[in-house]
Amino acid sequence: MAADDKTDDTFELYDLRVEVICPPGERILCGGKPGDYFTLEGELLYLPPGQGFSIYSLGAVLPLLAAKQREMHPNDWMSTDADVACPDPHCKSLLRITRTGKRRFSHGAVTVVPLTR
């Protein structure tokens, strides 16, 4: 968007996939299975049919998801770190956050607060 273009109110967010990763032979204590996942498209979270996801595991990754959806400086640790430890200290599983695509949104479609430029 050009600096003087006042009509374009769009922005982009990355779609994300959060997947359960477990070292071979290790027991997962959070109820998940290796390969279980959910996707995040904009603000909407999707689970595959018939699959659950631990609310405790979700709580571990939730604070990071909005940041991972956005562009960031290449030196920022959020641009390189993608694995989150299971919140159970006795579980060796990880939750891997992967960017899967980009989606365009309009400011006016997601809020009633006007842009001030």
PDB file of N, CA and C in Angstrom:
ATOM      1  N   MET A   1       0.846  -1.180   0.000  1.00  0.00           N
ATOM      2  CA  MET A   1       0.000   0.000   0.000  1.00  0.00           C
ATOM      3  C   MET A   1       0.890   1.240   0.000  1.00  0.00           C
ATOM      4  N   ALA A   2       0.615   2.152  -0.865  1.00  0.00           N
ATOM      5  CA  ALA A   2       1.355   3.404  -0.926  1.00  0.00           C
ATOM      6  C   ALA A   2       1.028   4.247   0.299  1.00  0.00           C
ATOM      7  N   ALA A   3       2.004   5.053   0.718  1.00  0.00           N
ATOM      8  CA  ALA A   3       1.843   5.856   1.933  1.00  0.00           C
ATOM      9  C   ALA A   3       0.666   6.825   1.829  1.00  0.00           C
ATOM     10  N   ASP A   4       0.301   7.251   0.594  1.00  0.00           N
ATOM     11  CA  ASP A   4      -0.788   8.212   0.449  1.00  0.00           C
ATOM     12  C   ASP A   4      -2.122   7.547   0.071  1.00  0.00           C
ATOM     13  N   ASP A   5      -2.162   6.226   0.008  1.00  0.00           N
ATOM     14  CA  ASP A   5      -3.385   5.516  -0.338  1.00  0.00           C
ATOM     15  C   ASP A   5      -4.237   5.339   0.910  1.00  0.00           C
ATOM     16  N   LYS A   6      -5.304   6.119   1.030  1.00  0.00           N
ATOM     17  CA  LYS A   6      -6.167   6.102   2.214  1.00  0.00           C
ATOM     18  C   LYS A   6      -7.333   5.115   2.076  1.00  0.00           C
ATOM     19  N   THR A   7      -7.475   4.462   0.915  1.00  0.00           N
ATOM     20  CA  THR A   7      -8.633   3.599   0.702  1.00  0.00           C
ATOM     21  C   THR A   7      -8.349   2.132   0.990  1.00  0.00           C
ATOM     22  N   ASP A   8      -7.112   1.703   0.962  1.00  0.00           N
ATOM     23  CA  ASP A   8      -6.781   0.294   1.189  1.00  0.00           C
ATOM     24  C   ASP A   8      -6.642   0.039   2.685  1.00  0.00           C
ATOM     25  N   ASP A   9      -7.570  -0.719   3.234  1.00  0.00           N
ATOM     26  CA  ASP A   9      -7.504  -1.020   4.676  1.00  0.00           C
ATOM     27  C   ASP A   9      -7.167  -2.488   4.920  1.00  0.00           C
ATOM     28  N   THR A  10      -6.488  -3.132   3.959  1.00  0.00           N
ATOM     29  CA  THR A  10      -6.221  -4.562   4.086  1.00  0.00           C
ATOM     30  C   THR A  10      -4.912  -4.849   4.811  1.00  0.00           C
ATOM     31  N   PHE A  11      -4.855  -6.058   5.369  1.00  0.00           N
ATOM     32  CA  PHE A  11      -3.649  -6.561   6.010  1.00  0.00           C
ATOM     33  C   PHE A  11      -3.629  -8.069   5.831  1.00  0.00           C
ATOM     34  N   GLU A  12      -2.472  -8.680   6.038  1.00  0.00           N
ATOM     35  CA  GLU A  12      -2.331 -10.121   5.860  1.00  0.00           C
ATOM     36  C   GLU A  12      -1.946 -10.795   7.164  1.00  0.00           C
ATOM     37  N   LEU A  13      -2.457 -12.005   7.349  1.00  0.00           N
ATOM     38  CA  LEU A  13      -2.077 -12.864   8.454  1.00  0.00           C
ATOM     39  C   LEU A  13      -1.716 -14.232   7.882  1.00  0.00           C
ATOM     40  N   TYR A  14      -0.772 -14.895   8.543  1.00  0.00           N
ATOM     41  CA  TYR A  14      -0.437 -16.258   8.161  1.00  0.00           C
ATOM     42  C   TYR A  14      -1.463 -17.218   8.731  1.00  0.00           C
ATOM     43  N   ASP A  15      -1.818 -18.240   7.949  1.00  0.00           N
ATOM     44  CA  ASP A  15      -2.537 -19.395   8.473  1.00  0.00           C
ATOM     45  C   ASP A  15      -1.513 -20.253   9.201  1.00  0.00           C
ATOM     46  N   LEU A  16      -1.934 -20.931  10.257  1.00  0.00           N
ATOM     47  CA  LEU A  16      -1.016 -21.741  11.058  1.00  0.00           C
ATOM     48  C   LEU A  16      -1.540 -23.163  11.215  1.00  0.00           C
ATOM     49  N   ARG A  17      -0.610 -24.064  11.385  1.00  0.00           N
ATOM     50  CA  ARG A  17      -0.913 -25.454  11.763  1.00  0.00           C
ATOM     51  C   ARG A  17      -0.123 -25.733  13.033  1.00  0.00           C
ATOM     52  N   VAL A  18      -0.791 -26.266  14.054  1.00  0.00           N
ATOM     53  CA  VAL A  18      -0.140 -26.641  15.309  1.00  0.00           C
ATOM     54  C   VAL A  18      -0.280 -28.158  15.440  1.00  0.00           C
ATOM     55  N   GLU A  19       0.872 -28.831  15.470  1.00  0.00           N
ATOM     56  CA  GLU A  19       0.893 -30.294  15.433  1.00  0.00           C
ATOM     57  C   GLU A  19       1.618 -30.877  16.639  1.00  0.00           C
ATOM     58  N   VAL A  20       1.097 -31.990  17.147  1.00  0.00           N
ATOM     59  CA  VAL A  20       1.727 -32.716  18.250  1.00  0.00           C
ATOM     60  C   VAL A  20       2.907 -33.512  17.691  1.00  0.00           C
ATOM     61  N   ILE A  21       4.087 -33.280  18.256  1.00  0.00           N
ATOM     62  CA  ILE A  21       5.313 -33.990  17.879  1.00  0.00           C
ATOM     63  C   ILE A  21       5.781 -34.740  19.125  1.00  0.00           C
ATOM     64  N   CYS A  22       6.121 -35.994  18.965  1.00  0.00           N
ATOM     65  CA  CYS A  22       6.560 -36.782  20.118  1.00  0.00           C
ATOM     66  C   CYS A  22       7.759 -37.633  19.726  1.00  0.00           C
ATOM     67  N   PRO A  23       8.805 -37.647  20.560  1.00  0.00           N
ATOM     68  CA  PRO A  23       9.939 -38.538  20.276  1.00  0.00           C
ATOM     69  C   PRO A  23       9.458 -39.988  20.227  1.00  0.00           C
ATOM     70  N   PRO A  24       9.970 -40.775  19.275  1.00  0.00           N
ATOM     71  CA  PRO A  24       9.545 -42.178  19.165  1.00  0.00           C
ATOM     72  C   PRO A  24       9.721 -42.915  20.498  1.00  0.00           C
ATOM     73  N   GLY A  25       8.713 -43.685  20.844  1.00  0.00           N
ATOM     74  CA  GLY A  25       8.769 -44.501  22.051  1.00  0.00           C
ATOM     75  C   GLY A  25       8.384 -43.778  23.324  1.00  0.00           C
ATOM     76  N   GLU A  26       8.195 -42.474  23.270  1.00  0.00           N
ATOM     77  CA  GLU A  26       7.816 -41.715  24.471  1.00  0.00           C
ATOM     78  C   GLU A  26       6.298 -41.689  24.621  1.00  0.00           C
ATOM     79  N   ARG A  27       5.855 -41.680  25.835  1.00  0.00           N
ATOM     80  CA  ARG A  27       4.426 -41.640  26.144  1.00  0.00           C
ATOM     81  C   ARG A  27       3.940 -40.196  26.148  1.00  0.00           C
ATOM     82  N   ILE A  28       2.815 -39.949  25.506  1.00  0.00           N
ATOM     83  CA  ILE A  28       2.184 -38.630  25.538  1.00  0.00           C
ATOM     84  C   ILE A  28       1.151 -38.637  26.651  1.00  0.00           C
ATOM     85  N   LEU A  29       1.227 -37.675  27.543  1.00  0.00           N
ATOM     86  CA  LEU A  29       0.357 -37.642  28.714  1.00  0.00           C
ATOM     87  C   LEU A  29      -0.834 -36.698  28.562  1.00  0.00           C
ATOM     88  N   CYS A  30      -0.872 -35.927  27.489  1.00  0.00           N
ATOM     89  CA  CYS A  30      -1.924 -34.913  27.343  1.00  0.00           C
ATOM     90  C   CYS A  30      -3.128 -35.425  26.550  1.00  0.00           C
ATOM     91  N   GLY A  31      -3.155 -36.715  26.239  1.00  0.00           N
ATOM     92  CA  GLY A  31      -4.303 -37.272  25.543  1.00  0.00           C
ATOM     93  C   GLY A  31      -4.218 -37.215  24.038  1.00  0.00           C
ATOM     94  N   GLY A  32      -3.201 -36.581  23.506  1.00  0.00           N
ATOM     95  CA  GLY A  32      -3.044 -36.491  22.064  1.00  0.00           C
ATOM     96  C   GLY A  32      -2.256 -37.655  21.503  1.00  0.00           C
ATOM     97  N   LYS A  33      -2.137 -37.655  20.188  1.00  0.00           N
ATOM     98  CA  LYS A  33      -1.328 -38.647  19.489  1.00  0.00           C
ATOM     99  C   LYS A  33      -0.386 -37.914  18.552  1.00  0.00           C
ATOM    100  N   PRO A  34       0.785 -38.488  18.274  1.00  0.00           N
ATOM    101  CA  PRO A  34       1.680 -37.843  17.301  1.00  0.00           C
ATOM    102  C   PRO A  34       0.920 -37.575  16.001  1.00  0.00           C
ATOM    103  N   GLY A  35       1.054 -36.364  15.503  1.00  0.00           N
ATOM    104  CA  GLY A  35       0.372 -35.983  14.273  1.00  0.00           C
ATOM    105  C   GLY A  35      -0.960 -35.299  14.486  1.00  0.00           C
ATOM    106  N   ASP A  36      -1.545 -35.371  15.696  1.00  0.00           N
ATOM    107  CA  ASP A  36      -2.766 -34.609  15.958  1.00  0.00           C
ATOM    108  C   ASP A  36      -2.456 -33.137  15.716  1.00  0.00           C
ATOM    109  N   TYR A  37      -3.446 -32.397  15.237  1.00  0.00           N
ATOM    110  CA  TYR A  37      -3.192 -30.993  14.906  1.00  0.00           C
ATOM    111  C   TYR A  37      -4.482 -30.188  14.927  1.00  0.00           C
ATOM    112  N   PHE A  38      -4.315 -28.886  14.881  1.00  0.00           N
ATOM    113  CA  PHE A  38      -5.409 -27.984  14.546  1.00  0.00           C
ATOM    114  C   PHE A  38      -4.843 -26.920  13.633  1.00  0.00           C
ATOM    115  N   THR A  39      -5.722 -26.245  12.906  1.00  0.00           N
ATOM    116  CA  THR A  39      -5.292 -25.144  12.059  1.00  0.00           C
ATOM    117  C   THR A  39      -5.950 -23.865  12.553  1.00  0.00           C
ATOM    118  N   LEU A  40      -5.288 -22.773  12.269  1.00  0.00           N
ATOM    119  CA  LEU A  40      -5.792 -21.451  12.605  1.00  0.00           C
ATOM    120  C   LEU A  40      -5.831 -20.641  11.323  1.00  0.00           C
ATOM    121  N   GLU A  41      -7.023 -20.188  10.947  1.00  0.00           N
ATOM    122  CA  GLU A  41      -7.220 -19.362   9.755  1.00  0.00           C
ATOM    123  C   GLU A  41      -7.854 -18.064  10.210  1.00  0.00           C
ATOM    124  N   GLY A  42      -7.059 -16.997  10.210  1.00  0.00           N
ATOM    125  CA  GLY A  42      -7.542 -15.753  10.803  1.00  0.00           C
ATOM    126  C   GLY A  42      -7.743 -15.978  12.285  1.00  0.00           C
ATOM    127  N   GLU A  43      -8.956 -15.736  12.755  1.00  0.00           N
ATOM    128  CA  GLU A  43      -9.230 -15.950  14.183  1.00  0.00           C
ATOM    129  C   GLU A  43      -9.941 -17.276  14.436  1.00  0.00           C
ATOM    130  N   LEU A  44     -10.126 -18.084  13.402  1.00  0.00           N
ATOM    131  CA  LEU A  44     -10.889 -19.325  13.543  1.00  0.00           C
ATOM    132  C   LEU A  44      -9.979 -20.538  13.650  1.00  0.00           C
ATOM    133  N   LEU A  45     -10.230 -21.346  14.683  1.00  0.00           N
ATOM    134  CA  LEU A  45      -9.471 -22.560  14.954  1.00  0.00           C
ATOM    135  C   LEU A  45     -10.288 -23.755  14.457  1.00  0.00           C
ATOM    136  N   TYR A  46      -9.625 -24.664  13.714  1.00  0.00           N
ATOM    137  CA  TYR A  46     -10.304 -25.827  13.152  1.00  0.00           C
ATOM    138  C   TYR A  46      -9.594 -27.107  13.578  1.00  0.00           C
ATOM    139  N   LEU A  47     -10.386 -28.092  13.983  1.00  0.00           N
ATOM    140  CA  LEU A  47      -9.893 -29.436  14.297  1.00  0.00           C
ATOM    141  C   LEU A  47     -10.404 -30.398  13.227  1.00  0.00           C
ATOM    142  N   PRO A  48      -9.612 -31.412  12.879  1.00  0.00           N
ATOM    143  CA  PRO A  48     -10.144 -32.430  11.971  1.00  0.00           C
ATOM    144  C   PRO A  48     -11.322 -33.146  12.629  1.00  0.00           C
ATOM    145  N   PRO A  49     -12.261 -33.663  11.833  1.00  0.00           N
ATOM    146  CA  PRO A  49     -13.411 -34.379  12.401  1.00  0.00           C
ATOM    147  C   PRO A  49     -12.966 -35.534  13.298  1.00  0.00           C
ATOM    148  N   GLY A  50     -13.588 -35.624  14.468  1.00  0.00           N
ATOM    149  CA  GLY A  50     -13.324 -36.721  15.379  1.00  0.00           C
ATOM    150  C   GLY A  50     -12.062 -36.608  16.210  1.00  0.00           C
ATOM    151  N   GLN A  51     -11.326 -35.523  16.063  1.00  0.00           N
ATOM    152  CA  GLN A  51     -10.079 -35.363  16.821  1.00  0.00           C
ATOM    153  C   GLN A  51     -10.238 -34.269  17.867  1.00  0.00           C
ATOM    154  N   GLY A  52      -9.741 -34.520  19.063  1.00  0.00           N
ATOM    155  CA  GLY A  52      -9.743 -33.514  20.116  1.00  0.00           C
ATOM    156  C   GLY A  52      -8.363 -32.891  20.253  1.00  0.00           C
ATOM    157  N   PHE A  53      -8.259 -31.946  21.166  1.00  0.00           N
ATOM    158  CA  PHE A  53      -6.976 -31.308  21.459  1.00  0.00           C
ATOM    159  C   PHE A  53      -7.033 -30.836  22.900  1.00  0.00           C
ATOM    160  N   SER A  54      -6.041 -31.167  23.678  1.00  0.00           N
ATOM    161  CA  SER A  54      -6.008 -30.845  25.101  1.00  0.00           C
ATOM    162  C   SER A  54      -6.119 -29.337  25.341  1.00  0.00           C
ATOM    163  N   ILE A  55      -6.997 -28.943  26.266  1.00  0.00           N
ATOM    164  CA  ILE A  55      -7.096 -27.514  26.583  1.00  0.00           C
ATOM    165  C   ILE A  55      -5.815 -27.004  27.250  1.00  0.00           C
ATOM    166  N   TYR A  56      -5.077 -27.887  27.912  1.00  0.00           N
ATOM    167  CA  TYR A  56      -3.827 -27.475  28.546  1.00  0.00           C
ATOM    168  C   TYR A  56      -2.751 -27.234  27.492  1.00  0.00           C
ATOM    169  N   SER A  57      -2.712 -28.098  26.473  1.00  0.00           N
ATOM    170  CA  SER A  57      -1.781 -27.887  25.358  1.00  0.00           C
ATOM    171  C   SER A  57      -2.155 -26.624  24.595  1.00  0.00           C
ATOM    172  N   LEU A  58      -3.450 -26.433  24.373  1.00  0.00           N
ATOM    173  CA  LEU A  58      -3.913 -25.222  23.695  1.00  0.00           C
ATOM    174  C   LEU A  58      -3.501 -23.983  24.489  1.00  0.00           C
ATOM    175  N   GLY A  59      -3.621 -24.060  25.811  1.00  0.00           N
ATOM    176  CA  GLY A  59      -3.222 -22.938  26.661  1.00  0.00           C
ATOM    177  C   GLY A  59      -1.744 -22.609  26.552  1.00  0.00           C
ATOM    178  N   ALA A  60      -0.915 -23.612  26.265  1.00  0.00           N
ATOM    179  CA  ALA A  60       0.528 -23.383  26.135  1.00  0.00           C
ATOM    180  C   ALA A  60       0.875 -22.625  24.860  1.00  0.00           C
ATOM    181  N   VAL A  61       0.132 -22.870  23.777  1.00  0.00           N
ATOM    182  CA  VAL A  61       0.465 -22.229  22.496  1.00  0.00           C
ATOM    183  C   VAL A  61      -0.362 -20.982  22.207  1.00  0.00           C
ATOM    184  N   LEU A  62      -1.518 -20.869  22.815  1.00  0.00           N
ATOM    185  CA  LEU A  62      -2.428 -19.774  22.499  1.00  0.00           C
ATOM    186  C   LEU A  62      -1.790 -18.383  22.569  1.00  0.00           C
ATOM    187  N   PRO A  63      -0.997 -18.068  23.593  1.00  0.00           N
ATOM    188  CA  PRO A  63      -0.408 -16.715  23.646  1.00  0.00           C
ATOM    189  C   PRO A  63       0.552 -16.407  22.486  1.00  0.00           C
ATOM    190  N   LEU A  64       1.054 -17.420  21.806  1.00  0.00           N
ATOM    191  CA  LEU A  64       2.023 -17.222  20.729  1.00  0.00           C
ATOM    192  C   LEU A  64       1.385 -17.098  19.350  1.00  0.00           C
ATOM    193  N   LEU A  65       0.158 -17.566  19.205  1.00  0.00           N
ATOM    194  CA  LEU A  65      -0.426 -17.700  17.872  1.00  0.00           C
ATOM    195  C   LEU A  65      -0.635 -16.372  17.157  1.00  0.00           C
ATOM    196  N   ALA A  66      -1.131 -15.365  17.847  1.00  0.00           N
ATOM    197  CA  ALA A  66      -1.352 -14.071  17.186  1.00  0.00           C
ATOM    198  C   ALA A  66      -0.041 -13.485  16.681  1.00  0.00           C
ATOM    199  N   ALA A  67       1.032 -13.651  17.439  1.00  0.00           N
ATOM    200  CA  ALA A  67       2.337 -13.149  16.990  1.00  0.00           C
ATOM    201  C   ALA A  67       2.846 -13.947  15.798  1.00  0.00           C
ATOM    202  N   LYS A  68       2.693 -15.283  15.827  1.00  0.00           N
ATOM    203  CA  LYS A  68       3.164 -16.125  14.729  1.00  0.00           C
ATOM    204  C   LYS A  68       2.386 -15.868  13.441  1.00  0.00           C
ATOM    205  N   GLN A  69       1.189 -15.293  13.528  1.00  0.00           N
ATOM    206  CA  GLN A  69       0.405 -14.986  12.336  1.00  0.00           C
ATOM    207  C   GLN A  69       0.920 -13.749  11.604  1.00  0.00           C
ATOM    208  N   ARG A  70       1.749 -12.959  12.262  1.00  0.00           N
ATOM    209  CA  ARG A  70       2.152 -11.674  11.692  1.00  0.00           C
ATOM    210  C   ARG A  70       3.591 -11.678  11.196  1.00  0.00           C
ATOM    211  N   GLU A  71       3.869 -10.761  10.258  1.00  0.00           N
ATOM    212  CA  GLU A  71       5.243 -10.552   9.803  1.00  0.00           C
ATOM    213  C   GLU A  71       6.062 -10.061  10.985  1.00  0.00           C
ATOM    214  N   MET A  72       7.325 -10.456  11.011  1.00  0.00           N
ATOM    215  CA  MET A  72       8.189 -10.008  12.097  1.00  0.00           C
ATOM    216  C   MET A  72       9.613  -9.811  11.583  1.00  0.00           C
ATOM    217  N   HIS A  73      10.400  -9.152  12.347  1.00  0.00           N
ATOM    218  CA  HIS A  73      11.797  -8.932  11.998  1.00  0.00           C
ATOM    219  C   HIS A  73      12.506 -10.280  11.943  1.00  0.00           C
ATOM    220  N   PRO A  74      13.366 -10.519  10.951  1.00  0.00           N
ATOM    221  CA  PRO A  74      14.032 -11.821  10.839  1.00  0.00           C
ATOM    222  C   PRO A  74      14.913 -12.172  12.037  1.00  0.00           C
ATOM    223  N   ASN A  75      15.353 -11.200  12.813  1.00  0.00           N
ATOM    224  CA  ASN A  75      16.184 -11.475  13.982  1.00  0.00           C
ATOM    225  C   ASN A  75      15.369 -11.754  15.240  1.00  0.00           C
ATOM    226  N   ASP A  76      14.081 -11.534  15.173  1.00  0.00           N
ATOM    227  CA  ASP A  76      13.203 -11.779  16.325  1.00  0.00           C
ATOM    228  C   ASP A  76      13.147 -13.282  16.590  1.00  0.00           C
ATOM    229  N   TRP A  77      13.256 -13.699  17.841  1.00  0.00           N
ATOM    230  CA  TRP A  77      13.224 -15.124  18.173  1.00  0.00           C
ATOM    231  C   TRP A  77      11.931 -15.791  17.724  1.00  0.00           C
ATOM    232  N   MET A  78      10.847 -15.024  17.633  1.00  0.00           N
ATOM    233  CA  MET A  78       9.572 -15.589  17.190  1.00  0.00           C
ATOM    234  C   MET A  78       9.620 -16.024  15.725  1.00  0.00           C
ATOM    235  N   SER A  79      10.576 -15.489  14.958  1.00  0.00           N
ATOM    236  CA  SER A  79      10.680 -15.872  13.552  1.00  0.00           C
ATOM    237  C   SER A  79      11.358 -17.223  13.372  1.00  0.00           C
ATOM    238  N   THR A  80      12.060 -17.716  14.391  1.00  0.00           N
ATOM    239  CA  THR A  80      12.792 -18.981  14.264  1.00  0.00           C
ATOM    240  C   THR A  80      12.289 -20.078  15.195  1.00  0.00           C
ATOM    241  N   ASP A  81      11.795 -19.730  16.369  1.00  0.00           N
ATOM    242  CA  ASP A  81      11.375 -20.734  17.346  1.00  0.00           C
ATOM    243  C   ASP A  81       9.940 -21.162  17.039  1.00  0.00           C
ATOM    244  N   ALA A  82       9.741 -22.460  16.801  1.00  0.00           N
ATOM    245  CA  ALA A  82       8.424 -22.947  16.406  1.00  0.00           C
ATOM    246  C   ALA A  82       7.908 -24.065  17.303  1.00  0.00           C
ATOM    247  N   ASP A  83       8.741 -24.600  18.192  1.00  0.00           N
ATOM    248  CA  ASP A  83       8.340 -25.717  19.041  1.00  0.00           C
ATOM    249  C   ASP A  83       8.061 -25.237  20.461  1.00  0.00           C
ATOM    250  N   VAL A  84       6.928 -25.685  20.991  1.00  0.00           N
ATOM    251  CA  VAL A  84       6.502 -25.320  22.337  1.00  0.00           C
ATOM    252  C   VAL A  84       6.407 -26.612  23.148  1.00  0.00           C
ATOM    253  N   ALA A  85       6.983 -26.624  24.332  1.00  0.00           N
ATOM    254  CA  ALA A  85       6.948 -27.811  25.187  1.00  0.00           C
ATOM    255  C   ALA A  85       5.535 -28.056  25.695  1.00  0.00           C
ATOM    256  N   CYS A  86       5.189 -29.310  25.810  1.00  0.00           N
ATOM    257  CA  CYS A  86       3.928 -29.685  26.451  1.00  0.00           C
ATOM    258  C   CYS A  86       3.931 -29.081  27.853  1.00  0.00           C
ATOM    259  N   PRO A  87       2.785 -28.583  28.325  1.00  0.00           N
ATOM    260  CA  PRO A  87       2.769 -27.987  29.666  1.00  0.00           C
ATOM    261  C   PRO A  87       2.934 -28.996  30.798  1.00  0.00           C
ATOM    262  N   ASP A  88       2.782 -30.293  30.513  1.00  0.00           N
ATOM    263  CA  ASP A  88       2.996 -31.315  31.542  1.00  0.00           C
ATOM    264  C   ASP A  88       4.496 -31.574  31.631  1.00  0.00           C
ATOM    265  N   PRO A  89       5.131 -31.310  32.774  1.00  0.00           N
ATOM    266  CA  PRO A  89       6.592 -31.465  32.869  1.00  0.00           C
ATOM    267  C   PRO A  89       7.071 -32.902  32.698  1.00  0.00           C
ATOM    268  N   HIS A  90       6.163 -33.882  32.766  1.00  0.00           N
ATOM    269  CA  HIS A  90       6.539 -35.288  32.612  1.00  0.00           C
ATOM    270  C   HIS A  90       6.316 -35.801  31.196  1.00  0.00           C
ATOM    271  N   CYS A  91       5.822 -34.944  30.316  1.00  0.00           N
ATOM    272  CA  CYS A  91       5.533 -35.328  28.927  1.00  0.00           C
ATOM    273  C   CYS A  91       6.614 -34.739  28.022  1.00  0.00           C
ATOM    274  N   LYS A  92       7.134 -35.538  27.116  1.00  0.00           N
ATOM    275  CA  LYS A  92       8.216 -35.078  26.234  1.00  0.00           C
ATOM    276  C   LYS A  92       7.710 -34.602  24.876  1.00  0.00           C
ATOM    277  N   SER A  93       6.389 -34.492  24.719  1.00  0.00           N
ATOM    278  CA  SER A  93       5.862 -34.047  23.426  1.00  0.00           C
ATOM    279  C   SER A  93       6.076 -32.546  23.245  1.00  0.00           C
ATOM    280  N   LEU A  94       6.025 -32.148  21.977  1.00  0.00           N
ATOM    281  CA  LEU A  94       6.139 -30.746  21.588  1.00  0.00           C
ATOM    282  C   LEU A  94       4.928 -30.371  20.759  1.00  0.00           C
ATOM    283  N   LEU A  95       4.659 -29.100  20.687  1.00  0.00           N
ATOM    284  CA  LEU A  95       3.629 -28.566  19.812  1.00  0.00           C
ATOM    285  C   LEU A  95       4.352 -27.689  18.793  1.00  0.00           C
ATOM    286  N   ARG A  96       4.318 -28.084  17.537  1.00  0.00           N
ATOM    287  CA  ARG A  96       5.052 -27.371  16.483  1.00  0.00           C
ATOM    288  C   ARG A  96       4.105 -26.446  15.735  1.00  0.00           C
ATOM    289  N   ILE A  97       4.457 -25.155  15.685  1.00  0.00           N
ATOM    290  CA  ILE A  97       3.671 -24.142  14.986  1.00  0.00           C
ATOM    291  C   ILE A  97       4.311 -23.910  13.618  1.00  0.00           C
ATOM    292  N   THR A  98       3.526 -24.129  12.558  1.00  0.00           N
ATOM    293  CA  THR A  98       4.021 -23.975  11.192  1.00  0.00           C
ATOM    294  C   THR A  98       3.128 -23.010  10.430  1.00  0.00           C
ATOM    295  N   ARG A  99       3.736 -22.085   9.713  1.00  0.00           N
ATOM    296  CA  ARG A  99       2.975 -21.203   8.828  1.00  0.00           C
ATOM    297  C   ARG A  99       2.640 -21.980   7.558  1.00  0.00           C
ATOM    298  N   THR A 100       1.376 -21.898   7.141  1.00  0.00           N
ATOM    299  CA  THR A 100       0.950 -22.698   5.990  1.00  0.00           C
ATOM    300  C   THR A 100       0.471 -21.874   4.802  1.00  0.00           C
ATOM    301  N   GLY A 101       0.282 -20.600   4.955  1.00  0.00           N
ATOM    302  CA  GLY A 101      -0.200 -19.756   3.869  1.00  0.00           C
ATOM    303  C   GLY A 101      -0.525 -18.386   4.421  1.00  0.00           C
ATOM    304  N   LYS A 102      -0.985 -17.504   3.545  1.00  0.00           N
ATOM    305  CA  LYS A 102      -1.366 -16.147   3.958  1.00  0.00           C
ATOM    306  C   LYS A 102      -2.807 -15.895   3.565  1.00  0.00           C
ATOM    307  N   ARG A 103      -3.437 -15.062   4.331  1.00  0.00           N
ATOM    308  CA  ARG A 103      -4.826 -14.701   4.096  1.00  0.00           C
ATOM    309  C   ARG A 103      -4.946 -13.181   4.257  1.00  0.00           C
ATOM    310  N   ARG A 104      -5.719 -12.540   3.389  1.00  0.00           N
ATOM    311  CA  ARG A 104      -5.893 -11.080   3.421  1.00  0.00           C
ATOM    312  C   ARG A 104      -7.211 -10.736   4.121  1.00  0.00           C
ATOM    313  N   PHE A 105      -7.162  -9.731   4.966  1.00  0.00           N
ATOM    314  CA  PHE A 105      -8.326  -9.260   5.709  1.00  0.00           C
ATOM    315  C   PHE A 105      -8.496  -7.764   5.501  1.00  0.00           C
ATOM    316  N   SER A 106      -9.702  -7.291   5.715  1.00  0.00           N
ATOM    317  CA  SER A 106     -10.009  -5.861   5.662  1.00  0.00           C
ATOM    318  C   SER A 106     -10.238  -5.371   7.086  1.00  0.00           C
ATOM    319  N   HIS A 107      -9.582  -4.286   7.453  1.00  0.00           N
ATOM    320  CA  HIS A 107      -9.758  -3.707   8.785  1.00  0.00           C
ATOM    321  C   HIS A 107     -11.233  -3.466   9.078  1.00  0.00           C
ATOM    322  N   GLY A 108     -11.947  -2.906   8.119  1.00  0.00           N
ATOM    323  CA  GLY A 108     -13.372  -2.599   8.304  1.00  0.00           C
ATOM    324  C   GLY A 108     -14.251  -3.816   8.480  1.00  0.00           C
ATOM    325  N   ALA A 109     -13.789  -4.978   8.041  1.00  0.00           N
ATOM    326  CA  ALA A 109     -14.578  -6.201   8.173  1.00  0.00           C
ATOM    327  C   ALA A 109     -14.369  -6.887   9.533  1.00  0.00           C
ATOM    328  N   VAL A 110     -13.323  -6.521  10.262  1.00  0.00           N
ATOM    329  CA  VAL A 110     -13.026  -7.212  11.509  1.00  0.00           C
ATOM    330  C   VAL A 110     -13.160  -6.331  12.757  1.00  0.00           C
ATOM    331  N   THR A 111     -13.453  -5.043  12.570  1.00  0.00           N
ATOM    332  CA  THR A 111     -13.626  -4.142  13.721  1.00  0.00           C
ATOM    333  C   THR A 111     -14.492  -2.953  13.322  1.00  0.00           C
ATOM    334  N   VAL A 112     -15.130  -2.352  14.328  1.00  0.00           N
ATOM    335  CA  VAL A 112     -15.889  -1.128  14.081  1.00  0.00           C
ATOM    336  C   VAL A 112     -15.061   0.103  14.406  1.00  0.00           C
ATOM    337  N   VAL A 113     -13.886  -0.097  14.988  1.00  0.00           N
ATOM    338  CA  VAL A 113     -13.015   1.031  15.318  1.00  0.00           C
ATOM    339  C   VAL A 113     -12.387   1.550  14.031  1.00  0.00           C
ATOM    340  N   PRO A 114     -12.549   2.837  13.714  1.00  0.00           N
ATOM    341  CA  PRO A 114     -12.020   3.363  12.448  1.00  0.00           C
ATOM    342  C   PRO A 114     -10.504   3.480  12.473  1.00  0.00           C
ATOM    343  N   LEU A 115      -9.915   3.354  11.283  1.00  0.00           N
ATOM    344  CA  LEU A 115      -8.491   3.600  11.129  1.00  0.00           C
ATOM    345  C   LEU A 115      -8.239   5.102  11.283  1.00  0.00           C
ATOM    346  N   THR A 116      -7.155   5.445  11.946  1.00  0.00           N
ATOM    347  CA  THR A 116      -6.736   6.845  12.006  1.00  0.00           C
ATOM    348  C   THR A 116      -5.360   6.905  11.384  1.00  0.00           C
ATOM    349  N   ARG A 117      -5.219   7.681  10.367  1.00  0.00           N
ATOM    350  CA  ARG A 117      -3.933   7.777   9.648  1.00  0.00           C
ATOM    351  C   ARG A 117      -3.451   9.189   9.647  1.00  0.00           C
TER     352      ARG A 117
END
